[in-house]
N, C-alpha and C. Protein backbone atom coordinates (compact mmCIF):
# COMPACT_ATOMS: atom_id res chain seq x y z
N MET A 1 -80.15 144.34 147.97
CA MET A 1 -79.82 144.18 149.47
C MET A 1 -79.41 142.87 149.65
N ALA A 2 -80.22 141.94 149.43
CA ALA A 2 -79.83 140.47 149.51
C ALA A 2 -78.64 140.03 148.77
N ARG A 3 -78.34 140.44 147.72
CA ARG A 3 -77.09 140.04 147.08
C ARG A 3 -75.78 140.58 148.02
N TRP A 4 -76.02 141.65 148.39
CA TRP A 4 -74.66 142.01 149.44
C TRP A 4 -74.63 141.33 150.82
N MET A 5 -75.66 140.63 151.18
CA MET A 5 -75.60 139.84 152.52
C MET A 5 -74.70 138.89 152.40
N GLY A 6 -74.55 138.12 151.29
CA GLY A 6 -73.50 136.91 151.00
C GLY A 6 -72.05 137.55 151.16
N LEU A 7 -71.77 138.94 150.92
CA LEU A 7 -70.38 139.07 150.79
C LEU A 7 -69.54 138.90 152.10
N PRO A 8 -70.14 139.14 153.31
CA PRO A 8 -69.22 138.70 154.43
C PRO A 8 -68.97 137.46 154.61
N ALA A 9 -69.97 136.50 154.21
CA ALA A 9 -69.68 135.02 154.16
C ALA A 9 -68.68 134.62 153.22
N VAL A 10 -68.49 135.37 152.05
CA VAL A 10 -67.52 135.17 150.91
C VAL A 10 -66.17 135.65 151.38
N ALA A 11 -65.98 136.86 152.14
CA ALA A 11 -64.67 137.27 152.60
C ALA A 11 -64.25 136.38 153.91
N ALA A 12 -65.34 136.06 154.55
CA ALA A 12 -64.78 135.00 155.79
C ALA A 12 -64.33 133.79 155.33
N LEU A 13 -64.79 133.29 154.21
CA LEU A 13 -64.49 132.00 153.52
C LEU A 13 -63.15 132.21 152.80
N ALA A 14 -62.82 133.33 152.27
CA ALA A 14 -61.50 133.68 151.71
C ALA A 14 -60.56 133.72 152.66
N LEU A 15 -60.73 134.39 153.80
CA LEU A 15 -59.68 134.60 154.99
C LEU A 15 -59.31 133.26 155.53
N THR A 16 -60.42 132.25 155.57
CA THR A 16 -60.10 131.11 156.06
C THR A 16 -59.27 130.06 155.24
N ALA A 17 -59.51 130.26 153.89
CA ALA A 17 -58.71 129.81 152.88
C ALA A 17 -57.45 130.09 152.87
N CYS A 18 -57.21 131.35 153.32
CA CYS A 18 -55.51 132.02 153.10
C CYS A 18 -54.88 131.28 154.41
N VAL A 19 -55.62 131.34 155.58
CA VAL A 19 -54.90 130.78 156.81
C VAL A 19 -54.69 129.37 156.58
N THR A 20 -55.49 128.57 155.77
CA THR A 20 -55.45 127.01 155.44
C THR A 20 -54.28 126.74 154.95
N ILE A 21 -54.12 127.59 153.66
CA ILE A 21 -52.81 127.71 152.68
C ILE A 21 -51.62 127.91 153.25
N ASN A 22 -51.57 128.76 154.27
CA ASN A 22 -50.50 129.23 155.03
C ASN A 22 -49.85 128.32 156.03
N VAL A 23 -50.54 127.32 156.52
CA VAL A 23 -50.14 126.35 157.36
C VAL A 23 -50.01 124.92 156.80
N TYR A 24 -50.12 124.80 155.59
CA TYR A 24 -49.91 123.53 154.75
C TYR A 24 -48.43 123.38 154.85
N PHE A 25 -48.22 122.04 155.23
CA PHE A 25 -46.72 121.47 155.22
C PHE A 25 -46.38 121.02 154.13
N PRO A 26 -45.47 121.32 153.34
CA PRO A 26 -44.97 120.74 152.21
C PRO A 26 -44.13 119.55 152.22
N ALA A 27 -44.68 118.33 152.48
CA ALA A 27 -44.13 117.13 152.62
C ALA A 27 -43.02 116.77 151.68
N ALA A 28 -43.58 116.73 150.46
CA ALA A 28 -42.70 116.45 149.41
C ALA A 28 -41.35 117.43 149.18
N GLU A 29 -41.50 118.75 149.34
CA GLU A 29 -40.48 119.59 149.33
C GLU A 29 -39.48 119.30 150.40
N ALA A 30 -40.09 119.14 151.60
CA ALA A 30 -39.37 118.92 152.94
C ALA A 30 -38.52 117.49 152.72
N LYS A 31 -39.10 116.62 152.12
CA LYS A 31 -38.44 115.37 151.86
C LYS A 31 -37.29 115.43 151.06
N GLU A 32 -37.37 116.31 149.94
CA GLU A 32 -36.30 116.54 148.93
C GLU A 32 -34.94 117.46 149.60
N ALA A 33 -35.58 118.40 150.43
CA ALA A 33 -34.48 119.06 151.09
C ALA A 33 -33.75 118.07 152.11
N ALA A 34 -34.60 117.51 152.86
CA ALA A 34 -33.77 116.43 153.89
C ALA A 34 -32.91 115.52 153.04
N ARG A 35 -33.27 115.01 151.93
CA ARG A 35 -32.46 114.37 151.15
C ARG A 35 -31.29 114.95 150.80
N GLU A 36 -31.43 115.95 150.34
CA GLU A 36 -30.07 116.64 149.95
C GLU A 36 -29.24 117.06 151.23
N PHE A 37 -29.97 117.74 152.22
CA PHE A 37 -28.75 117.69 153.56
C PHE A 37 -28.24 116.48 153.88
N VAL A 38 -28.90 115.48 154.21
CA VAL A 38 -28.51 114.23 154.63
C VAL A 38 -27.58 113.78 153.84
N GLU A 39 -27.60 113.51 152.39
CA GLU A 39 -26.58 113.04 151.34
C GLU A 39 -25.36 113.92 151.54
N ASN A 40 -25.60 115.18 151.73
CA ASN A 40 -24.27 116.08 151.90
C ASN A 40 -23.46 115.80 153.04
N VAL A 41 -24.19 115.49 154.18
CA VAL A 41 -23.63 115.22 155.40
C VAL A 41 -22.78 113.71 155.34
N ILE A 42 -23.66 112.77 154.79
CA ILE A 42 -23.04 111.38 154.83
C ILE A 42 -22.04 111.34 153.79
N GLY A 43 -22.23 111.90 152.56
CA GLY A 43 -21.13 112.01 151.42
C GLY A 43 -21.29 110.74 150.70
N ASP A 44 -20.04 110.46 149.96
CA ASP A 44 -19.77 109.40 149.23
C ASP A 44 -20.78 108.94 148.27
N THR A 45 -21.95 109.59 148.15
CA THR A 45 -23.03 109.12 147.07
C THR A 45 -23.19 110.56 146.27
N PRO A 46 -23.21 110.44 145.01
CA PRO A 46 -23.59 111.51 144.15
C PRO A 46 -25.10 112.07 144.27
N ALA A 47 -25.35 113.30 144.40
CA ALA A 47 -26.61 113.57 144.59
C ALA A 47 -27.46 113.54 143.05
N ALA A 48 -28.82 113.32 143.21
CA ALA A 48 -29.59 112.98 142.02
C ALA A 48 -29.66 114.42 141.20
N GLN A 49 -29.65 114.43 140.10
CA GLN A 49 -30.01 115.63 139.15
C GLN A 49 -31.17 116.15 139.30
N PRO A 50 -31.69 117.56 139.17
CA PRO A 50 -32.80 118.01 139.25
C PRO A 50 -33.74 117.62 138.06
N PRO A 51 -35.01 117.27 137.96
CA PRO A 51 -35.77 117.00 136.96
C PRO A 51 -35.86 118.13 135.90
N ALA A 52 -36.09 117.63 134.50
CA ALA A 52 -35.90 118.65 133.54
C ALA A 52 -37.33 119.30 133.69
N PRO A 53 -37.28 120.62 133.00
CA PRO A 53 -38.77 121.12 133.02
C PRO A 53 -39.51 120.42 132.09
N SER A 54 -40.98 120.54 132.47
CA SER A 54 -41.99 119.63 131.73
C SER A 54 -42.30 120.51 130.34
N THR A 55 -42.51 119.69 129.62
CA THR A 55 -42.87 120.32 128.06
C THR A 55 -44.43 120.02 127.58
N THR A 56 -44.91 120.80 126.91
CA THR A 56 -46.23 120.40 126.22
C THR A 56 -45.99 119.39 125.17
N PRO A 57 -46.95 118.66 124.47
CA PRO A 57 -46.93 117.67 123.60
C PRO A 57 -46.27 118.53 122.25
N GLY A 58 -46.62 119.62 121.91
CA GLY A 58 -45.98 120.67 120.86
C GLY A 58 -44.63 120.81 120.87
N GLY A 59 -43.70 120.46 122.13
CA GLY A 59 -42.45 120.87 122.20
C GLY A 59 -42.06 122.01 123.04
N GLY A 60 -42.98 122.99 123.31
CA GLY A 60 -42.91 124.06 123.89
C GLY A 60 -42.95 123.79 125.48
N MET A 61 -42.58 124.99 126.09
CA MET A 61 -42.56 125.00 127.71
C MET A 61 -44.01 124.74 127.96
N ALA A 62 -44.54 124.03 129.11
CA ALA A 62 -45.68 124.11 129.52
C ALA A 62 -46.14 125.58 129.97
N GLN A 63 -47.00 126.07 129.71
CA GLN A 63 -47.52 127.54 130.24
C GLN A 63 -48.72 127.57 131.30
N ARG A 64 -48.71 128.57 132.00
CA ARG A 64 -49.74 128.63 133.09
C ARG A 64 -50.96 129.64 132.30
N GLY A 65 -52.01 129.00 132.74
CA GLY A 65 -53.15 129.74 132.18
C GLY A 65 -53.20 131.10 132.63
N THR A 66 -53.88 131.95 131.79
CA THR A 66 -53.85 133.57 132.26
C THR A 66 -55.35 133.73 132.49
N GLY A 67 -56.24 132.96 132.75
CA GLY A 67 -57.44 133.52 133.00
C GLY A 67 -57.88 134.21 134.15
N PHE A 68 -59.35 134.51 134.38
CA PHE A 68 -59.47 135.61 135.34
C PHE A 68 -59.47 134.65 136.84
N ASP A 69 -58.90 135.05 137.83
CA ASP A 69 -58.72 134.44 139.11
C ASP A 69 -59.71 135.24 140.06
N PRO A 70 -60.78 134.92 140.58
CA PRO A 70 -61.69 135.71 141.31
C PRO A 70 -60.95 136.05 142.71
N TRP A 71 -60.02 134.96 143.28
CA TRP A 71 -59.47 135.31 144.59
C TRP A 71 -58.51 136.62 144.40
N MET A 72 -58.08 137.03 143.18
CA MET A 72 -57.50 138.33 143.20
C MET A 72 -58.37 139.48 143.70
N LEU A 73 -59.56 139.50 143.50
CA LEU A 73 -60.59 140.42 144.09
C LEU A 73 -60.50 140.70 145.48
N LEU A 74 -60.17 139.57 146.17
CA LEU A 74 -60.17 139.53 147.77
C LEU A 74 -58.56 139.82 147.99
N GLY A 75 -57.52 140.16 147.10
CA GLY A 75 -56.02 140.24 147.46
C GLY A 75 -55.50 138.85 147.96
N ILE A 76 -55.98 137.97 147.30
CA ILE A 76 -55.43 136.53 147.68
C ILE A 76 -54.72 135.91 146.34
N GLY A 77 -53.46 136.17 146.19
CA GLY A 77 -53.08 135.84 144.80
C GLY A 77 -52.78 134.41 144.59
N THR A 78 -52.50 133.93 143.49
CA THR A 78 -52.15 132.63 143.41
C THR A 78 -51.10 131.96 143.83
N ALA A 79 -50.06 133.04 144.04
CA ALA A 79 -48.67 132.55 144.47
C ALA A 79 -48.93 131.84 145.96
N GLN A 80 -49.76 132.33 146.86
CA GLN A 80 -49.96 131.78 148.07
C GLN A 80 -50.39 130.28 147.98
N ALA A 81 -51.11 129.72 147.14
CA ALA A 81 -51.57 128.59 146.75
C ALA A 81 -50.57 127.58 146.19
N GLN A 82 -49.24 128.16 145.68
CA GLN A 82 -48.30 127.38 145.05
C GLN A 82 -47.60 126.55 146.36
N THR A 83 -46.97 125.44 146.00
CA THR A 83 -46.29 124.93 147.13
C THR A 83 -45.09 125.60 147.39
N PRO A 84 -44.61 125.89 148.65
CA PRO A 84 -43.41 126.57 148.96
C PRO A 84 -42.12 125.84 148.75
N ASP A 85 -41.13 126.63 148.45
CA ASP A 85 -39.75 125.95 148.42
C ASP A 85 -39.23 125.66 149.90
N VAL A 86 -38.74 124.71 150.28
CA VAL A 86 -38.37 124.42 151.62
C VAL A 86 -36.85 124.72 151.36
N THR A 87 -36.32 125.93 152.02
CA THR A 87 -34.90 126.31 152.00
C THR A 87 -34.00 125.69 152.86
N ILE A 88 -32.85 125.17 152.62
CA ILE A 88 -31.98 124.75 153.63
C ILE A 88 -30.60 125.52 153.40
N ARG A 89 -30.65 126.88 152.56
CA ARG A 89 -29.46 127.42 152.24
C ARG A 89 -29.44 128.70 152.95
N THR A 90 -29.55 128.78 154.35
CA THR A 90 -29.24 130.01 155.14
C THR A 90 -27.84 129.76 155.68
N PRO A 91 -27.30 130.92 155.98
CA PRO A 91 -25.82 130.81 156.67
C PRO A 91 -25.95 129.82 158.02
N ALA A 92 -26.88 129.93 158.76
CA ALA A 92 -26.93 129.45 159.89
C ALA A 92 -27.04 127.77 159.55
N ILE A 93 -27.83 127.36 158.72
CA ILE A 93 -28.14 125.96 158.45
C ILE A 93 -26.85 125.50 157.59
N GLN A 94 -26.39 126.14 156.60
CA GLN A 94 -24.80 125.79 156.07
C GLN A 94 -23.88 125.58 157.05
N ALA A 95 -23.80 126.26 158.30
CA ALA A 95 -22.77 126.24 159.04
C ALA A 95 -23.12 124.92 159.98
N ILE A 96 -24.26 124.68 160.23
CA ILE A 96 -24.61 123.57 160.97
C ILE A 96 -24.25 122.06 160.13
N GLN A 97 -24.66 122.22 158.84
CA GLN A 97 -24.41 121.23 157.80
C GLN A 97 -22.99 120.87 157.70
N SER A 98 -22.08 121.97 157.77
CA SER A 98 -20.54 121.80 157.55
C SER A 98 -19.92 121.15 158.72
N ARG A 99 -20.32 121.50 159.92
CA ARG A 99 -20.04 120.91 161.16
C ARG A 99 -20.21 119.42 161.28
N MET A 100 -21.50 119.30 160.86
CA MET A 100 -22.20 117.82 160.76
C MET A 100 -21.54 116.97 159.84
N GLU A 101 -21.13 117.58 158.48
CA GLU A 101 -20.35 116.82 157.71
C GLU A 101 -19.00 116.58 158.25
N GLN A 102 -18.05 117.22 158.61
CA GLN A 102 -16.92 117.08 159.21
C GLN A 102 -16.91 116.21 160.34
N ARG A 103 -17.80 116.26 161.30
CA ARG A 103 -17.83 115.46 162.45
C ARG A 103 -18.30 113.98 161.96
N PHE A 104 -19.10 113.86 160.96
CA PHE A 104 -19.48 112.50 160.46
C PHE A 104 -18.34 111.63 159.83
N ASN A 105 -17.63 112.51 158.89
CA ASN A 105 -16.33 111.85 158.16
C ASN A 105 -15.21 111.82 158.99
N GLY A 106 -15.29 112.70 160.20
CA GLY A 106 -13.88 112.54 160.79
C GLY A 106 -14.06 111.64 162.00
N THR A 107 -15.11 111.46 162.53
CA THR A 107 -15.20 110.58 163.70
C THR A 107 -16.30 109.62 163.75
N LEU A 108 -17.45 110.01 163.23
CA LEU A 108 -18.58 108.89 163.38
C LEU A 108 -18.68 107.85 162.45
N ARG A 109 -18.22 108.14 161.20
CA ARG A 109 -18.58 107.01 159.89
C ARG A 109 -17.86 105.70 160.49
N PRO A 110 -16.70 105.61 160.99
CA PRO A 110 -16.21 104.43 161.25
C PRO A 110 -17.01 103.55 162.23
N HIS A 111 -17.83 104.22 163.10
CA HIS A 111 -18.40 103.56 164.14
C HIS A 111 -19.93 103.11 163.70
N PHE A 112 -20.40 103.75 162.68
CA PHE A 112 -21.37 103.28 162.24
C PHE A 112 -21.13 102.10 161.26
N ASP A 113 -19.87 102.09 160.58
CA ASP A 113 -19.31 101.00 159.95
C ASP A 113 -19.09 99.48 160.93
N SER A 114 -18.68 99.90 162.21
CA SER A 114 -18.49 98.75 163.02
C SER A 114 -19.78 98.34 163.72
N GLY A 115 -20.86 99.36 163.73
CA GLY A 115 -22.25 98.80 164.17
C GLY A 115 -22.32 99.15 165.71
N ALA A 116 -21.47 100.16 165.98
CA ALA A 116 -21.43 100.58 167.51
C ALA A 116 -22.49 101.92 167.45
N LEU A 117 -22.64 102.46 166.03
CA LEU A 117 -23.61 103.70 166.26
C LEU A 117 -24.88 103.26 165.35
N GLY A 118 -25.81 104.00 165.63
CA GLY A 118 -26.91 103.80 164.72
C GLY A 118 -27.85 104.97 164.65
N PHE A 119 -28.80 104.89 163.64
CA PHE A 119 -29.60 106.12 163.79
C PHE A 119 -30.79 105.65 164.34
N GLY A 120 -31.25 106.80 165.47
CA GLY A 120 -32.57 106.44 165.96
C GLY A 120 -33.81 106.84 165.24
N GLY A 121 -34.99 106.33 165.63
CA GLY A 121 -36.11 106.54 164.91
C GLY A 121 -36.56 107.96 165.28
N ASN A 122 -36.00 108.97 166.14
CA ASN A 122 -36.24 110.18 166.25
C ASN A 122 -35.28 111.19 165.63
N GLY A 123 -34.65 110.92 164.61
CA GLY A 123 -33.54 111.59 163.96
C GLY A 123 -32.42 111.92 164.72
N LEU A 124 -31.96 111.35 165.49
CA LEU A 124 -30.78 111.54 166.32
C LEU A 124 -29.90 110.08 166.22
N ILE A 125 -28.59 110.41 166.55
CA ILE A 125 -27.67 109.32 166.50
C ILE A 125 -27.87 108.68 167.93
N VAL A 126 -27.65 107.24 168.10
CA VAL A 126 -27.61 106.22 169.27
C VAL A 126 -26.33 105.64 169.23
N VAL A 127 -25.71 105.43 170.50
CA VAL A 127 -24.69 104.51 170.70
C VAL A 127 -25.39 103.22 171.03
N ARG A 128 -25.17 102.27 169.85
CA ARG A 128 -26.16 101.32 169.81
C ARG A 128 -25.47 99.93 170.68
N ASP A 129 -24.17 99.82 170.39
CA ASP A 129 -23.51 98.75 171.26
C ASP A 129 -21.90 99.43 171.44
N ALA A 130 -22.04 99.83 172.82
CA ALA A 130 -20.84 100.33 173.50
C ALA A 130 -19.55 99.38 173.19
N SER A 131 -19.82 98.30 173.20
CA SER A 131 -18.65 97.19 173.32
C SER A 131 -17.82 97.23 172.04
N GLN A 132 -18.36 97.97 170.97
CA GLN A 132 -17.87 97.93 169.71
C GLN A 132 -17.00 98.99 169.69
N LEU A 133 -17.08 99.94 170.51
CA LEU A 133 -16.07 101.14 170.51
C LEU A 133 -14.83 100.97 171.38
N PRO A 134 -13.71 101.01 170.66
CA PRO A 134 -12.49 100.83 171.46
C PRO A 134 -12.20 101.81 172.52
N ILE A 135 -11.73 101.36 173.66
CA ILE A 135 -11.88 102.21 175.17
C ILE A 135 -11.29 103.56 174.96
N LYS A 136 -10.28 103.76 174.01
CA LYS A 136 -9.47 104.89 173.82
C LYS A 136 -10.40 105.81 173.16
N ASP A 137 -11.40 105.41 172.48
CA ASP A 137 -12.30 106.20 171.69
C ASP A 137 -13.76 106.60 172.23
N ARG A 138 -13.90 105.96 173.34
CA ARG A 138 -15.32 106.04 173.91
C ARG A 138 -15.67 107.57 174.25
N VAL A 139 -14.74 108.37 174.77
CA VAL A 139 -15.03 109.63 175.28
C VAL A 139 -15.22 110.41 174.15
N ALA A 140 -14.40 110.52 173.24
CA ALA A 140 -14.33 111.23 171.93
C ALA A 140 -15.44 110.98 171.09
N VAL A 141 -15.98 109.66 170.92
CA VAL A 141 -17.29 109.29 170.36
C VAL A 141 -18.50 109.88 171.11
N ASN A 142 -18.60 109.49 172.22
CA ASN A 142 -19.85 110.00 173.25
C ASN A 142 -19.94 111.47 173.01
N THR A 143 -18.80 112.37 172.87
CA THR A 143 -18.72 113.57 172.93
C THR A 143 -19.41 114.03 171.54
N ALA A 144 -18.93 113.35 170.14
CA ALA A 144 -19.15 113.62 169.00
C ALA A 144 -20.59 113.33 168.73
N VAL A 145 -21.10 112.30 169.63
CA VAL A 145 -22.57 111.92 169.34
C VAL A 145 -23.53 112.88 170.04
N ALA A 146 -22.94 113.56 171.11
CA ALA A 146 -23.65 114.58 171.83
C ALA A 146 -23.73 115.74 171.02
N ASP A 147 -22.58 116.23 170.56
CA ASP A 147 -22.47 117.39 169.60
C ASP A 147 -23.42 117.31 168.34
N ASP A 148 -23.18 116.23 167.79
CA ASP A 148 -23.93 116.06 166.64
C ASP A 148 -25.70 115.97 166.99
N ASN A 149 -26.04 115.33 168.02
CA ASN A 149 -27.42 115.47 168.23
C ASN A 149 -28.08 116.71 168.52
N ARG A 150 -27.11 117.54 169.08
CA ARG A 150 -27.23 118.99 169.41
C ARG A 150 -27.75 119.76 168.25
N ASP A 151 -26.67 119.67 167.39
CA ASP A 151 -26.83 120.20 165.93
C ASP A 151 -28.02 119.66 165.14
N ARG A 152 -28.29 118.47 165.25
CA ARG A 152 -29.46 117.82 164.57
C ARG A 152 -30.75 118.50 165.10
N GLN A 153 -30.74 118.68 166.45
CA GLN A 153 -32.01 119.53 166.88
C GLN A 153 -32.07 120.78 166.38
N ALA A 154 -30.81 121.45 166.47
CA ALA A 154 -30.83 122.93 166.06
C ALA A 154 -31.10 123.09 164.61
N VAL A 155 -30.81 122.09 163.66
CA VAL A 155 -31.00 122.21 162.29
C VAL A 155 -32.54 122.03 161.95
N TYR A 156 -33.18 121.17 162.62
CA TYR A 156 -34.70 121.12 162.61
C TYR A 156 -35.22 122.14 162.83
N ARG A 157 -34.82 122.93 164.10
CA ARG A 157 -35.52 124.28 164.41
C ARG A 157 -35.12 125.35 163.34
N GLU A 158 -33.80 125.35 163.04
CA GLU A 158 -33.53 126.57 162.28
C GLU A 158 -34.25 126.08 160.86
N ILE A 159 -34.31 125.20 160.15
CA ILE A 159 -35.02 125.05 158.87
C ILE A 159 -36.54 125.36 159.02
N ALA A 160 -37.31 125.04 160.15
CA ALA A 160 -38.57 125.63 160.36
C ALA A 160 -38.59 127.08 160.40
N VAL A 161 -37.71 127.59 161.19
CA VAL A 161 -37.72 129.00 161.39
C VAL A 161 -37.49 129.68 160.07
N ALA A 162 -36.17 129.18 159.15
CA ALA A 162 -36.07 129.94 158.16
C ALA A 162 -37.01 129.87 157.04
N ASN A 163 -38.11 129.01 157.16
CA ASN A 163 -38.97 128.74 156.13
C ASN A 163 -40.13 129.57 156.86
N GLY A 164 -40.15 130.29 157.65
CA GLY A 164 -41.25 131.10 158.21
C GLY A 164 -42.31 130.38 159.18
N HIS A 165 -42.02 129.11 159.43
CA HIS A 165 -43.09 128.18 160.00
C HIS A 165 -42.39 127.56 161.20
N PRO A 166 -42.06 128.23 162.47
CA PRO A 166 -41.56 127.46 163.42
C PRO A 166 -42.37 126.16 163.94
N GLU A 167 -43.76 126.19 163.79
CA GLU A 167 -44.45 125.50 163.94
C GLU A 167 -44.17 123.90 163.37
N TRP A 168 -43.47 124.11 162.29
CA TRP A 168 -43.30 122.71 161.53
C TRP A 168 -42.13 122.10 161.90
N GLU A 169 -41.46 122.35 163.14
CA GLU A 169 -40.23 121.67 163.62
C GLU A 169 -40.48 120.38 163.75
N SER A 170 -41.39 119.84 164.46
CA SER A 170 -41.56 118.36 164.61
C SER A 170 -41.81 117.59 163.29
N GLN A 171 -42.43 118.25 162.38
CA GLN A 171 -42.86 117.56 161.05
C GLN A 171 -41.28 117.51 160.38
N ILE A 172 -40.41 118.57 160.44
CA ILE A 172 -39.21 118.62 159.84
C ILE A 172 -38.53 117.51 160.51
N ARG A 173 -38.42 117.30 161.77
CA ARG A 173 -37.63 116.26 162.43
C ARG A 173 -38.03 114.90 162.12
N ASP A 174 -39.55 114.73 161.80
CA ASP A 174 -40.02 113.25 161.37
C ASP A 174 -39.59 113.13 159.99
N VAL A 175 -39.52 114.01 159.16
CA VAL A 175 -39.29 113.77 157.83
C VAL A 175 -37.50 113.46 157.78
N PHE A 176 -36.87 114.32 158.52
CA PHE A 176 -35.13 114.02 158.49
C PHE A 176 -35.12 112.49 159.12
N ALA A 177 -35.67 112.26 160.23
CA ALA A 177 -35.25 110.99 160.79
C ALA A 177 -35.66 109.76 159.75
N ARG A 178 -36.78 110.05 159.03
CA ARG A 178 -36.93 108.93 157.88
C ARG A 178 -35.80 109.04 156.74
N GLN A 179 -35.31 110.10 156.57
CA GLN A 179 -34.42 110.34 155.64
C GLN A 179 -33.08 109.91 156.08
N TRP A 180 -32.59 109.82 157.41
CA TRP A 180 -31.36 109.32 157.79
C TRP A 180 -31.43 107.68 157.73
N ILE A 181 -32.58 107.27 157.93
CA ILE A 181 -32.80 105.94 157.77
C ILE A 181 -32.62 105.57 156.34
N GLN A 182 -33.26 106.01 155.35
CA GLN A 182 -33.31 105.89 154.22
C GLN A 182 -31.99 105.88 153.75
N SER A 183 -31.17 106.95 153.99
CA SER A 183 -29.66 107.17 153.28
C SER A 183 -28.83 106.09 154.18
N ALA A 184 -29.11 105.41 155.22
CA ALA A 184 -27.96 104.55 155.68
C ALA A 184 -27.32 103.73 154.74
N ARG A 185 -26.06 103.53 154.84
CA ARG A 185 -25.45 102.66 153.90
C ARG A 185 -25.65 101.18 154.23
N PRO A 186 -25.48 100.40 153.39
CA PRO A 186 -25.56 98.82 153.73
C PRO A 186 -24.68 98.36 155.18
N GLY A 187 -25.16 97.88 155.76
CA GLY A 187 -24.41 97.36 157.01
C GLY A 187 -24.73 98.28 158.24
N TRP A 188 -25.13 99.45 157.99
CA TRP A 188 -25.49 100.43 159.02
C TRP A 188 -26.58 100.05 159.88
N TRP A 189 -26.81 100.27 161.12
CA TRP A 189 -28.03 100.05 161.76
C TRP A 189 -28.88 101.29 162.24
N TYR A 190 -30.16 100.89 162.28
CA TYR A 190 -30.99 101.90 162.52
C TYR A 190 -32.26 101.54 163.33
N GLN A 191 -32.78 102.46 163.95
CA GLN A 191 -33.86 101.84 164.87
C GLN A 191 -35.41 102.13 164.37
N GLN A 192 -36.23 101.27 164.43
CA GLN A 192 -37.45 101.40 163.74
C GLN A 192 -38.57 100.49 164.89
N GLY A 193 -39.53 101.38 165.40
CA GLY A 193 -40.69 100.67 166.39
C GLY A 193 -39.89 100.34 167.26
N GLY A 194 -38.71 100.69 167.74
CA GLY A 194 -38.02 100.37 169.11
C GLY A 194 -37.01 99.25 168.96
N SER A 195 -36.87 98.53 167.79
CA SER A 195 -35.90 97.62 167.66
C SER A 195 -34.94 97.93 166.65
N TRP A 196 -33.88 97.28 166.84
CA TRP A 196 -32.87 97.62 165.58
C TRP A 196 -32.86 96.71 164.43
N THR A 197 -32.59 97.36 163.46
CA THR A 197 -32.37 96.49 162.08
C THR A 197 -31.15 96.96 161.32
N GLN A 198 -30.43 96.06 160.65
CA GLN A 198 -29.41 96.26 160.07
C GLN A 198 -29.56 96.52 158.47
N LYS A 199 -29.14 97.39 157.90
CA LYS A 199 -29.70 97.60 156.43
C LYS A 199 -28.60 96.86 155.61
């Protein structure tokens, strides 16, 4: 009888472990997805090649152990403990990326080059110095900035939803905000801690 009394505690622990695993935010995978997305939008730099699969010292592919997994008895497979792949390849995300790429290369890039625009610390574009915008371009640039910022907010939300975790939206936004700054080209401006810095 005493040995069965511990079973509810084990089951409760297992369910808690499952919930914890499901809410884990995969920061490294999100960073890689953000890098790919941002570089595709900004363009003019080749994307890095994916790493080669790891091998064992004997030259063969590394293999996963096939030992007994006690979590399987409780219906918790090891797949849930693996790091999730953050997808950015849904039709909605791809459509937003395509619009952003066309807008960036069609309207926004020259104004990043001139210093009129910069990347805000919140993952959005900011008109940093309106005096650098030719008067004839101001309405078009302000419209493009507003449209791009709307698409940025939509893509952060869409990535979180597409990956089954809408609660990740703010974390996705933070990862992207850092990536826009990291991917900024030499001479472009970005905001950090409330002040502007030129890369």
